[in-house]
Structure formats: C-alpha cells, structure tokens
Amino acid sequence: MKKIFVRQNCLGIIYLLCLALQVSAQKVVIQGREGWRKLTWADYSGKVDASSSFGAMTEYQFSYRVSEMEKLSDSIYFKNIEVILNFDHQKSWVKKDMMTDALLEHEQGHFNIGLMCVRELLTTIKSAKFIKAQYSARLKQIFQVVSNKYRQMHTQYDAETNHSINRTAQEKWNTFFKENIPEGFGE
C-alpha cells in the first residue's frame, strides 16, 4: 500500500513549475543520499502502524527546484528544473514478522511507480505550453492529471498483486517495471 504526499500547497513552488522546460533533471534521494538504488529493509525506520493490515508502507514525496527561468512574449519557459523523488524513511515502515524478500520487492514496486510519475511529470511539463495569464491553472491541471494516474496505478498494483501475495501478478508487474525504468536504475 502506498500513500502519495505531494507538496502542492507551496505557491512559490507552483509558480516556479508553471514554466515550459528546456533543461530538466530528476533526482532520487534515499536516506539523505542522492542516487537510485533498490530499497532495503534498513531503509524502513518509521513507526509501525500496528493496527494496519499491511506488512509494510512505503512513503515518498516529490519536491521541485528551479534554478533558471525565462519570460518571452506571453510565454514562460524553464531554463533549468529539477524534480526530486525523496523516499521518506521516517514514514516508511515494516512489521518485523513480515520482512520477506517478496514483500520488499513489492514495496520497491511502489517506489518505482513514484519514479515513473516523476519522469512523466517532467516530460509532460516539457511538452506543454504555458501562457503567463494561465500558467498556474495549466500547471495545476498537469500535476493533478499525472499524479492521479499514478495514484490509480498504486491502487491497481496492490489490487492485482494482493499486496505481493499473488506471485504471478507480481511477476507481471516486475516485468512492467523493468520495461519502464531506465537501465541501471535499481541495480
């Protein structure tokens, strides 16, 4: 099971994201260190929700950084933007008696979905045109559409795999992730 917490409430961040992209980057942060790698149970240091029927919870947030932007005519362009996927080890937890390789592989899938969301967000913003008078609404629309798509994917992932119990479905999803995550990520 996965909850997505998106920092939409900061108007400054929304303002900065409203520009079209020319240069962009994605960054992944796990345990305060930049770089993509597979998760381990040592990454899960949050307080366990004993009332939860789930064996583990993977939490992450997105954040954004713009270092350069440009206004031309009635359009706004990003010269440089970075979207960061940050694994939240303090909110991610696992029940000790549920620590299996199969469950960890399933939780990695949730984080992979987060990476796919970040990549699509960057691609979508890059290809969008932002008009000064409507940039905020347009950005909000893009963000909501992309975020909702991946929230639904998390729900579908858990439903189809029965939270890692259905191994056949889990293997299908693992193949999907291998096909949609750039080579070298999670190795």
N, C-alpha and C. Protein backbone atom coordinates (compact mmCIF):
# COMPACT_ATOMS: atom_id res chain seq x y z
N MET A 1 0.85 -1.18 0.00
CA MET A 1 0.00 0.00 0.00
C MET A 1 0.89 1.22 0.00
N LYS A 2 0.48 2.27 -0.68
CA LYS A 2 1.30 3.45 -0.84
C LYS A 2 0.44 4.68 -0.76
N LYS A 3 0.87 5.64 -0.02
CA LYS A 3 0.23 6.94 0.00
C LYS A 3 1.18 7.93 -0.64
N ILE A 4 0.64 8.82 -1.45
CA ILE A 4 1.48 9.82 -2.09
C ILE A 4 1.20 11.16 -1.42
N PHE A 5 2.23 11.78 -0.92
CA PHE A 5 2.10 13.11 -0.37
C PHE A 5 2.81 14.05 -1.32
N VAL A 6 2.07 14.98 -1.90
CA VAL A 6 2.62 15.87 -2.89
C VAL A 6 2.58 17.28 -2.34
N ARG A 7 3.68 17.96 -2.45
CA ARG A 7 3.77 19.32 -1.92
C ARG A 7 3.18 20.30 -2.92
N GLN A 8 1.85 20.38 -2.94
CA GLN A 8 1.17 21.29 -3.84
C GLN A 8 0.86 22.62 -3.15
N ASN A 9 0.92 22.65 -1.84
CA ASN A 9 0.44 23.80 -1.11
C ASN A 9 1.41 24.98 -1.10
N CYS A 10 2.55 24.85 -1.59
CA CYS A 10 3.51 25.95 -1.60
C CYS A 10 3.37 26.74 -2.90
N LEU A 11 2.80 27.93 -2.80
CA LEU A 11 2.55 28.72 -4.01
C LEU A 11 3.83 29.06 -4.75
N GLY A 12 4.92 29.25 -4.02
CA GLY A 12 6.19 29.55 -4.68
C GLY A 12 6.63 28.41 -5.58
N ILE A 13 6.46 27.20 -5.12
CA ILE A 13 6.84 26.03 -5.92
C ILE A 13 5.94 25.93 -7.14
N ILE A 14 4.65 26.11 -6.93
CA ILE A 14 3.72 26.05 -8.07
C ILE A 14 4.08 27.12 -9.09
N TYR A 15 4.39 28.32 -8.62
CA TYR A 15 4.76 29.39 -9.54
C TYR A 15 5.97 29.00 -10.37
N LEU A 16 6.96 28.43 -9.73
CA LEU A 16 8.18 28.06 -10.44
C LEU A 16 7.97 26.93 -11.43
N LEU A 17 7.03 26.05 -11.15
CA LEU A 17 6.80 24.92 -12.04
C LEU A 17 5.96 25.26 -13.25
N CYS A 18 5.44 26.46 -13.31
CA CYS A 18 4.48 26.80 -14.35
C CYS A 18 5.14 27.11 -15.68
N LEU A 19 6.38 27.00 -15.77
CA LEU A 19 7.10 27.38 -16.98
C LEU A 19 7.41 26.17 -17.84
N ALA A 20 7.54 26.39 -19.14
CA ALA A 20 7.90 25.28 -20.03
C ALA A 20 9.36 24.92 -19.81
N LEU A 21 9.72 23.67 -20.01
CA LEU A 21 11.07 23.18 -19.72
C LEU A 21 11.98 23.24 -20.92
N GLN A 22 13.22 23.59 -20.69
CA GLN A 22 14.25 23.43 -21.70
C GLN A 22 15.30 22.45 -21.18
N VAL A 23 15.65 22.57 -19.92
CA VAL A 23 16.59 21.65 -19.29
C VAL A 23 15.89 21.10 -18.05
N SER A 24 15.95 19.81 -17.86
CA SER A 24 15.31 19.24 -16.69
C SER A 24 16.12 18.06 -16.19
N ALA A 25 15.85 17.73 -14.94
CA ALA A 25 16.54 16.59 -14.34
C ALA A 25 15.64 15.97 -13.30
N GLN A 26 15.86 14.71 -13.05
CA GLN A 26 15.19 14.05 -11.95
C GLN A 26 16.26 13.58 -10.99
N LYS A 27 15.94 13.67 -9.73
CA LYS A 27 16.88 13.24 -8.71
C LYS A 27 16.12 12.34 -7.75
N VAL A 28 16.78 11.30 -7.29
CA VAL A 28 16.21 10.38 -6.32
C VAL A 28 17.06 10.47 -5.06
N VAL A 29 16.38 10.58 -3.91
CA VAL A 29 17.08 10.66 -2.63
C VAL A 29 16.54 9.56 -1.72
N ILE A 30 17.45 8.74 -1.22
CA ILE A 30 17.10 7.68 -0.27
C ILE A 30 18.03 7.81 0.92
N GLN A 31 17.44 7.91 2.10
CA GLN A 31 18.22 8.06 3.34
C GLN A 31 19.17 9.25 3.27
N GLY A 32 18.73 10.34 2.66
CA GLY A 32 19.54 11.54 2.57
C GLY A 32 20.63 11.50 1.52
N ARG A 33 20.74 10.41 0.80
CA ARG A 33 21.78 10.28 -0.23
C ARG A 33 21.16 10.28 -1.61
N GLU A 34 21.74 11.08 -2.48
CA GLU A 34 21.27 11.15 -3.85
C GLU A 34 21.71 9.91 -4.62
N GLY A 35 20.80 9.39 -5.42
CA GLY A 35 21.12 8.24 -6.26
C GLY A 35 20.05 7.18 -6.18
N TRP A 36 19.85 6.51 -7.28
CA TRP A 36 18.84 5.46 -7.35
C TRP A 36 19.48 4.13 -6.97
N ARG A 37 18.81 3.39 -6.14
CA ARG A 37 19.21 2.04 -5.79
C ARG A 37 17.98 1.30 -5.31
N LYS A 38 18.11 0.00 -5.21
CA LYS A 38 17.00 -0.77 -4.67
C LYS A 38 16.88 -0.48 -3.18
N LEU A 39 15.65 -0.48 -2.70
CA LEU A 39 15.40 -0.29 -1.29
C LEU A 39 15.81 -1.54 -0.51
N THR A 40 16.14 -1.35 0.75
CA THR A 40 16.40 -2.47 1.66
C THR A 40 15.53 -2.26 2.88
N TRP A 41 15.36 -3.30 3.66
CA TRP A 41 14.55 -3.14 4.87
C TRP A 41 15.20 -2.15 5.84
N ALA A 42 16.49 -1.95 5.77
CA ALA A 42 17.17 -0.97 6.63
C ALA A 42 16.69 0.45 6.33
N ASP A 43 16.12 0.68 5.16
CA ASP A 43 15.60 2.00 4.80
C ASP A 43 14.30 2.31 5.53
N TYR A 44 13.65 1.32 6.07
CA TYR A 44 12.33 1.47 6.69
C TYR A 44 12.50 1.66 8.19
N SER A 45 12.50 2.91 8.64
CA SER A 45 12.73 3.18 10.06
C SER A 45 11.56 3.88 10.73
N GLY A 46 10.43 3.99 10.02
CA GLY A 46 9.26 4.65 10.59
C GLY A 46 8.57 3.79 11.63
N LYS A 47 7.73 4.44 12.42
CA LYS A 47 6.96 3.75 13.45
C LYS A 47 5.91 2.88 12.78
N VAL A 48 5.89 1.61 13.15
CA VAL A 48 4.95 0.65 12.58
C VAL A 48 3.53 0.98 13.02
N ASP A 49 2.61 0.93 12.07
CA ASP A 49 1.19 1.08 12.37
C ASP A 49 0.65 -0.31 12.71
N ALA A 50 0.62 -0.62 13.99
CA ALA A 50 0.22 -1.96 14.44
C ALA A 50 -1.22 -2.28 14.07
N SER A 51 -2.06 -1.26 13.88
CA SER A 51 -3.46 -1.50 13.53
C SER A 51 -3.65 -1.77 12.04
N SER A 52 -2.62 -1.55 11.24
CA SER A 52 -2.72 -1.76 9.80
C SER A 52 -2.70 -3.25 9.47
N SER A 53 -3.48 -3.60 8.46
CA SER A 53 -3.46 -4.99 7.99
C SER A 53 -2.30 -5.24 7.03
N PHE A 54 -1.58 -4.19 6.69
CA PHE A 54 -0.46 -4.31 5.76
C PHE A 54 0.83 -4.65 6.49
N GLY A 55 1.72 -5.32 5.77
CA GLY A 55 3.00 -5.69 6.35
C GLY A 55 4.03 -4.59 6.28
N ALA A 56 3.83 -3.64 5.36
CA ALA A 56 4.79 -2.54 5.19
C ALA A 56 4.09 -1.36 4.53
N MET A 57 4.71 -0.21 4.64
CA MET A 57 4.22 1.00 4.00
C MET A 57 5.43 1.74 3.43
N THR A 58 5.33 2.12 2.17
CA THR A 58 6.38 2.89 1.50
C THR A 58 5.86 4.30 1.27
N GLU A 59 6.58 5.27 1.78
CA GLU A 59 6.19 6.67 1.64
C GLU A 59 7.28 7.44 0.91
N TYR A 60 6.86 8.39 0.10
CA TYR A 60 7.79 9.29 -0.57
C TYR A 60 7.09 10.60 -0.86
N GLN A 61 7.89 11.60 -1.15
CA GLN A 61 7.37 12.91 -1.54
C GLN A 61 8.10 13.37 -2.78
N PHE A 62 7.45 14.30 -3.48
CA PHE A 62 8.09 14.99 -4.59
C PHE A 62 8.43 16.39 -4.11
N SER A 63 9.51 16.91 -4.61
CA SER A 63 9.83 18.33 -4.42
C SER A 63 10.42 18.84 -5.72
N TYR A 64 10.52 20.14 -5.83
CA TYR A 64 10.91 20.76 -7.09
C TYR A 64 11.92 21.86 -6.82
N ARG A 65 12.79 22.06 -7.78
CA ARG A 65 13.77 23.13 -7.68
C ARG A 65 13.96 23.72 -9.07
N VAL A 66 13.82 25.03 -9.17
CA VAL A 66 14.06 25.73 -10.43
C VAL A 66 15.22 26.67 -10.20
N SER A 67 16.22 26.59 -11.07
CA SER A 67 17.37 27.47 -10.91
C SER A 67 17.43 28.56 -11.96
N GLU A 68 16.65 28.43 -13.01
CA GLU A 68 16.67 29.46 -14.05
C GLU A 68 15.37 29.40 -14.85
N MET A 69 14.78 30.59 -15.11
CA MET A 69 13.58 30.67 -15.94
C MET A 69 13.64 31.91 -16.82
N GLU A 70 12.79 31.90 -17.84
CA GLU A 70 12.80 32.99 -18.82
C GLU A 70 11.37 33.30 -19.25
N LYS A 71 11.08 34.60 -19.40
CA LYS A 71 9.78 35.04 -19.90
C LYS A 71 9.98 35.62 -21.29
N LEU A 72 9.24 35.09 -22.24
CA LEU A 72 9.29 35.57 -23.61
C LEU A 72 7.88 35.84 -24.09
N SER A 73 7.62 37.08 -24.51
CA SER A 73 6.31 37.45 -25.00
C SER A 73 5.26 37.07 -23.96
N ASP A 74 4.28 36.27 -24.34
CA ASP A 74 3.25 35.87 -23.38
C ASP A 74 3.51 34.48 -22.79
N SER A 75 4.70 33.94 -23.03
CA SER A 75 5.03 32.59 -22.55
C SER A 75 6.11 32.64 -21.47
N ILE A 76 6.13 31.58 -20.69
CA ILE A 76 7.14 31.41 -19.64
C ILE A 76 7.85 30.09 -19.90
N TYR A 77 9.18 30.08 -19.76
CA TYR A 77 9.97 28.88 -20.02
C TYR A 77 10.89 28.58 -18.84
N PHE A 78 10.99 27.31 -18.51
CA PHE A 78 12.00 26.89 -17.56
C PHE A 78 13.30 26.75 -18.32
N LYS A 79 14.34 27.29 -17.77
CA LYS A 79 15.67 27.05 -18.34
C LYS A 79 16.30 25.85 -17.63
N ASN A 80 15.95 25.66 -16.36
CA ASN A 80 16.51 24.56 -15.60
C ASN A 80 15.57 24.22 -14.45
N ILE A 81 15.09 22.98 -14.43
CA ILE A 81 14.21 22.50 -13.35
C ILE A 81 14.65 21.10 -12.94
N GLU A 82 14.47 20.82 -11.68
CA GLU A 82 14.79 19.51 -11.13
C GLU A 82 13.58 19.03 -10.33
N VAL A 83 13.15 17.82 -10.56
CA VAL A 83 12.08 17.21 -9.78
C VAL A 83 12.72 16.09 -8.95
N ILE A 84 12.47 16.12 -7.66
CA ILE A 84 13.14 15.21 -6.73
C ILE A 84 12.13 14.23 -6.14
N LEU A 85 12.46 12.96 -6.20
CA LEU A 85 11.69 11.90 -5.56
C LEU A 85 12.44 11.52 -4.29
N ASN A 86 11.83 11.76 -3.14
CA ASN A 86 12.51 11.54 -1.87
C ASN A 86 11.82 10.43 -1.08
N PHE A 87 12.51 9.31 -0.92
CA PHE A 87 11.99 8.22 -0.10
C PHE A 87 11.96 8.69 1.34
N ASP A 88 10.82 8.57 2.01
CA ASP A 88 10.67 9.03 3.39
C ASP A 88 10.85 7.86 4.34
N HIS A 89 12.08 7.66 4.78
CA HIS A 89 12.39 6.53 5.66
C HIS A 89 11.74 6.66 7.02
N GLN A 90 11.41 7.89 7.44
CA GLN A 90 10.79 8.09 8.75
C GLN A 90 9.30 7.76 8.76
N LYS A 91 8.69 7.73 7.58
CA LYS A 91 7.28 7.35 7.49
C LYS A 91 7.09 5.97 6.87
N SER A 92 8.14 5.41 6.32
CA SER A 92 8.08 4.07 5.74
C SER A 92 8.38 3.06 6.84
N TRP A 93 7.57 2.03 6.92
CA TRP A 93 7.72 1.06 8.00
C TRP A 93 7.45 -0.36 7.51
N VAL A 94 7.93 -1.31 8.31
CA VAL A 94 7.68 -2.72 8.04
C VAL A 94 7.49 -3.44 9.37
N LYS A 95 6.56 -4.37 9.39
CA LYS A 95 6.37 -5.21 10.56
C LYS A 95 7.45 -6.29 10.54
N LYS A 96 8.15 -6.44 11.65
CA LYS A 96 9.30 -7.36 11.72
C LYS A 96 8.94 -8.78 11.27
N ASP A 97 7.77 -9.25 11.65
CA ASP A 97 7.39 -10.62 11.29
C ASP A 97 6.96 -10.75 9.83
N MET A 98 6.92 -9.65 9.10
CA MET A 98 6.52 -9.66 7.69
C MET A 98 7.69 -9.37 6.75
N MET A 99 8.89 -9.21 7.27
CA MET A 99 10.07 -8.85 6.47
C MET A 99 10.48 -10.00 5.57
N THR A 100 9.94 -10.03 4.37
CA THR A 100 10.32 -11.06 3.41
C THR A 100 10.87 -10.39 2.15
N ASP A 101 11.62 -11.15 1.40
CA ASP A 101 12.12 -10.63 0.12
C ASP A 101 10.96 -10.30 -0.81
N ALA A 102 9.92 -11.12 -0.78
CA ALA A 102 8.76 -10.89 -1.65
C ALA A 102 8.06 -9.58 -1.32
N LEU A 103 7.90 -9.28 -0.04
CA LEU A 103 7.26 -8.02 0.35
C LEU A 103 8.15 -6.83 0.01
N LEU A 104 9.45 -6.96 0.21
CA LEU A 104 10.37 -5.87 -0.14
C LEU A 104 10.33 -5.60 -1.64
N GLU A 105 10.29 -6.65 -2.43
CA GLU A 105 10.19 -6.49 -3.88
C GLU A 105 8.90 -5.74 -4.24
N HIS A 106 7.81 -6.07 -3.55
CA HIS A 106 6.54 -5.39 -3.78
C HIS A 106 6.64 -3.90 -3.41
N GLU A 107 7.23 -3.61 -2.27
CA GLU A 107 7.38 -2.22 -1.84
C GLU A 107 8.28 -1.44 -2.80
N GLN A 108 9.31 -2.10 -3.33
CA GLN A 108 10.16 -1.47 -4.35
C GLN A 108 9.30 -1.05 -5.54
N GLY A 109 8.31 -1.86 -5.87
CA GLY A 109 7.40 -1.52 -6.96
C GLY A 109 6.69 -0.21 -6.72
N HIS A 110 6.28 0.05 -5.49
CA HIS A 110 5.63 1.33 -5.18
C HIS A 110 6.59 2.49 -5.43
N PHE A 111 7.84 2.31 -5.02
CA PHE A 111 8.82 3.38 -5.25
C PHE A 111 9.10 3.54 -6.74
N ASN A 112 9.12 2.44 -7.48
CA ASN A 112 9.28 2.51 -8.94
C ASN A 112 8.15 3.31 -9.58
N ILE A 113 6.94 3.13 -9.08
CA ILE A 113 5.81 3.90 -9.59
C ILE A 113 6.05 5.38 -9.34
N GLY A 114 6.62 5.72 -8.18
CA GLY A 114 6.96 7.12 -7.90
C GLY A 114 7.94 7.68 -8.91
N LEU A 115 8.95 6.89 -9.27
CA LEU A 115 9.92 7.33 -10.26
C LEU A 115 9.25 7.54 -11.62
N MET A 116 8.38 6.62 -11.99
CA MET A 116 7.68 6.76 -13.26
C MET A 116 6.82 8.03 -13.27
N CYS A 117 6.23 8.36 -12.14
CA CYS A 117 5.42 9.58 -12.03
C CYS A 117 6.29 10.82 -12.23
N VAL A 118 7.44 10.86 -11.59
CA VAL A 118 8.37 11.99 -11.73
C VAL A 118 8.79 12.14 -13.19
N ARG A 119 9.13 11.04 -13.82
CA ARG A 119 9.56 11.09 -15.23
C ARG A 119 8.44 11.62 -16.12
N GLU A 120 7.21 11.14 -15.91
CA GLU A 120 6.10 11.62 -16.74
C GLU A 120 5.78 13.08 -16.45
N LEU A 121 5.89 13.48 -15.21
CA LEU A 121 5.65 14.88 -14.87
C LEU A 121 6.62 15.78 -15.63
N LEU A 122 7.90 15.44 -15.63
CA LEU A 122 8.90 16.23 -16.36
C LEU A 122 8.60 16.24 -17.86
N THR A 123 8.31 15.10 -18.42
CA THR A 123 8.03 15.01 -19.86
C THR A 123 6.80 15.82 -20.23
N THR A 124 5.76 15.74 -19.42
CA THR A 124 4.52 16.46 -19.71
C THR A 124 4.72 17.96 -19.61
N ILE A 125 5.44 18.41 -18.60
CA ILE A 125 5.69 19.84 -18.45
C ILE A 125 6.56 20.34 -19.59
N LYS A 126 7.53 19.54 -19.99
CA LYS A 126 8.41 19.91 -21.11
C LYS A 126 7.62 20.16 -22.39
N SER A 127 6.63 19.33 -22.65
CA SER A 127 5.89 19.43 -23.91
C SER A 127 4.71 20.39 -23.84
N ALA A 128 4.42 20.92 -22.67
CA ALA A 128 3.28 21.84 -22.51
C ALA A 128 3.70 23.27 -22.81
N LYS A 129 2.73 24.04 -23.25
CA LYS A 129 2.96 25.47 -23.46
C LYS A 129 2.29 26.21 -22.31
N PHE A 130 3.02 27.13 -21.71
CA PHE A 130 2.50 27.90 -20.59
C PHE A 130 2.35 29.36 -20.98
N ILE A 131 1.14 29.85 -20.91
CA ILE A 131 0.83 31.26 -21.17
C ILE A 131 0.85 31.97 -19.82
N LYS A 132 1.47 33.13 -19.76
CA LYS A 132 1.60 33.84 -18.49
C LYS A 132 0.29 33.95 -17.73
N ALA A 133 -0.78 34.31 -18.44
CA ALA A 133 -2.07 34.55 -17.79
C ALA A 133 -2.73 33.28 -17.27
N GLN A 134 -2.30 32.11 -17.77
CA GLN A 134 -2.97 30.86 -17.39
C GLN A 134 -2.01 29.80 -16.86
N TYR A 135 -0.78 30.16 -16.60
CA TYR A 135 0.22 29.16 -16.25
C TYR A 135 -0.10 28.39 -14.98
N SER A 136 -0.61 29.07 -13.99
CA SER A 136 -0.88 28.41 -12.71
C SER A 136 -1.95 27.34 -12.86
N ALA A 137 -3.03 27.67 -13.54
CA ALA A 137 -4.11 26.70 -13.75
C ALA A 137 -3.64 25.54 -14.62
N ARG A 138 -2.85 25.84 -15.64
CA ARG A 138 -2.35 24.80 -16.55
C ARG A 138 -1.41 23.85 -15.81
N LEU A 139 -0.52 24.40 -15.01
CA LEU A 139 0.39 23.56 -14.24
C LEU A 139 -0.37 22.69 -13.25
N LYS A 140 -1.31 23.28 -12.56
CA LYS A 140 -2.10 22.52 -11.60
C LYS A 140 -2.83 21.37 -12.29
N GLN A 141 -3.37 21.64 -13.47
CA GLN A 141 -4.05 20.60 -14.24
C GLN A 141 -3.10 19.46 -14.60
N ILE A 142 -1.92 19.79 -15.10
CA ILE A 142 -0.93 18.77 -15.46
C ILE A 142 -0.56 17.95 -14.23
N PHE A 143 -0.28 18.64 -13.15
CA PHE A 143 0.14 17.96 -11.93
C PHE A 143 -0.95 17.02 -11.44
N GLN A 144 -2.20 17.47 -11.45
CA GLN A 144 -3.30 16.63 -10.98
C GLN A 144 -3.51 15.42 -11.87
N VAL A 145 -3.47 15.62 -13.18
CA VAL A 145 -3.68 14.52 -14.11
C VAL A 145 -2.60 13.45 -13.94
N VAL A 146 -1.34 13.87 -13.91
CA VAL A 146 -0.23 12.92 -13.78
C VAL A 146 -0.27 12.23 -12.41
N SER A 147 -0.45 13.00 -11.36
CA SER A 147 -0.49 12.42 -10.01
C SER A 147 -1.64 11.43 -9.86
N ASN A 148 -2.81 11.79 -10.39
CA ASN A 148 -3.97 10.89 -10.30
C ASN A 148 -3.73 9.59 -11.05
N LYS A 149 -3.08 9.69 -12.20
CA LYS A 149 -2.77 8.48 -12.97
C LYS A 149 -1.95 7.50 -12.13
N TYR A 150 -0.95 8.02 -11.43
CA TYR A 150 -0.07 7.14 -10.66
C TYR A 150 -0.68 6.73 -9.32
N ARG A 151 -1.57 7.53 -8.76
CA ARG A 151 -2.33 7.07 -7.58
C ARG A 151 -3.16 5.85 -7.97
N GLN A 152 -3.81 5.95 -9.13
CA GLN A 152 -4.61 4.82 -9.62
C GLN A 152 -3.72 3.61 -9.89
N MET A 153 -2.51 3.86 -10.38
CA MET A 153 -1.60 2.75 -10.65
C MET A 153 -1.22 2.05 -9.34
N HIS A 154 -0.99 2.81 -8.27
CA HIS A 154 -0.69 2.20 -6.97
C HIS A 154 -1.85 1.31 -6.53
N THR A 155 -3.06 1.80 -6.68
CA THR A 155 -4.25 1.04 -6.29
C THR A 155 -4.37 -0.23 -7.11
N GLN A 156 -4.18 -0.11 -8.42
CA GLN A 156 -4.25 -1.26 -9.31
C GLN A 156 -3.15 -2.27 -8.96
N TYR A 157 -1.95 -1.78 -8.70
CA TYR A 157 -0.81 -2.63 -8.35
C TYR A 157 -1.13 -3.47 -7.11
N ASP A 158 -1.63 -2.82 -6.07
CA ASP A 158 -1.96 -3.55 -4.85
C ASP A 158 -3.11 -4.53 -5.07
N ALA A 159 -4.11 -4.11 -5.85
CA ALA A 159 -5.27 -4.98 -6.09
C ALA A 159 -4.86 -6.22 -6.88
N GLU A 160 -4.09 -6.03 -7.94
CA GLU A 160 -3.71 -7.16 -8.79
C GLU A 160 -2.74 -8.11 -8.09
N THR A 161 -1.83 -7.57 -7.32
CA THR A 161 -0.83 -8.42 -6.65
C THR A 161 -1.29 -8.89 -5.27
N ASN A 162 -2.42 -8.38 -4.82
CA ASN A 162 -2.89 -8.65 -3.45
C ASN A 162 -1.76 -8.37 -2.46
N HIS A 163 -1.14 -7.21 -2.64
CA HIS A 163 -0.06 -6.74 -1.75
C HIS A 163 1.10 -7.73 -1.69
N SER A 164 1.46 -8.30 -2.81
CA SER A 164 2.60 -9.21 -3.03
C SER A 164 2.24 -10.69 -2.91
N ILE A 165 1.04 -11.01 -2.48
CA ILE A 165 0.66 -12.41 -2.26
C ILE A 165 0.47 -13.16 -3.59
N ASN A 166 -0.10 -12.48 -4.59
CA ASN A 166 -0.30 -13.11 -5.90
C ASN A 166 1.01 -13.01 -6.68
N ARG A 167 1.80 -14.06 -6.62
CA ARG A 167 3.15 -14.04 -7.22
C ARG A 167 3.12 -13.93 -8.74
N THR A 168 2.13 -14.53 -9.38
CA THR A 168 2.03 -14.44 -10.84
C THR A 168 1.82 -12.99 -11.26
N ALA A 169 0.90 -12.31 -10.59
CA ALA A 169 0.65 -10.90 -10.90
C ALA A 169 1.87 -10.05 -10.53
N GLN A 170 2.53 -10.38 -9.43
CA GLN A 170 3.72 -9.62 -9.03
C GLN A 170 4.80 -9.73 -10.10
N GLU A 171 4.99 -10.92 -10.65
CA GLU A 171 6.00 -11.10 -11.70
C GLU A 171 5.66 -10.28 -12.94
N LYS A 172 4.38 -10.19 -13.28
CA LYS A 172 3.96 -9.36 -14.42
C LYS A 172 4.31 -7.90 -14.17
N TRP A 173 4.05 -7.44 -12.95
CA TRP A 173 4.39 -6.06 -12.61
C TRP A 173 5.91 -5.86 -12.60
N ASN A 174 6.65 -6.84 -12.10
CA ASN A 174 8.11 -6.73 -12.10
C ASN A 174 8.64 -6.56 -13.52
N THR A 175 8.06 -7.30 -14.46
CA THR A 175 8.43 -7.16 -15.87
C THR A 175 8.08 -5.77 -16.38
N PHE A 176 6.90 -5.29 -16.01
CA PHE A 176 6.47 -3.94 -16.39
C PHE A 176 7.48 -2.90 -15.89
N PHE A 177 7.91 -3.03 -14.64
CA PHE A 177 8.87 -2.08 -14.09
C PHE A 177 10.20 -2.15 -14.84
N LYS A 178 10.66 -3.35 -15.14
CA LYS A 178 11.92 -3.50 -15.88
C LYS A 178 11.85 -2.83 -17.24
N GLU A 179 10.68 -2.88 -17.86
CA GLU A 179 10.49 -2.27 -19.18
C GLU A 179 10.33 -0.76 -19.12
N ASN A 180 9.97 -0.22 -17.95
CA ASN A 180 9.66 1.20 -17.84
C ASN A 180 10.59 2.00 -16.95
N ILE A 181 11.56 1.36 -16.35
CA ILE A 181 12.56 2.05 -15.54
C ILE A 181 13.86 2.00 -16.33
N PRO A 182 14.54 3.14 -16.50
CA PRO A 182 15.78 3.14 -17.29
C PRO A 182 16.79 2.12 -16.79
N GLU A 183 17.52 1.55 -17.73
CA GLU A 183 18.54 0.55 -17.39
C GLU A 183 19.53 1.14 -16.38
N GLY A 184 19.88 0.35 -15.40
CA GLY A 184 20.82 0.80 -14.38
C GLY A 184 20.14 1.34 -13.14
N PHE A 185 18.85 1.69 -13.23
CA PHE A 185 18.12 2.15 -12.06
C PHE A 185 17.73 0.93 -11.24
N GLY A 186 17.99 1.00 -9.96
CA GLY A 186 17.61 -0.08 -9.07
C GLY A 186 18.51 -1.30 -9.16
N GLU A 187 19.65 -1.17 -9.81
CA GLU A 187 20.58 -2.30 -9.93
C GLU A 187 21.44 -2.39 -8.69
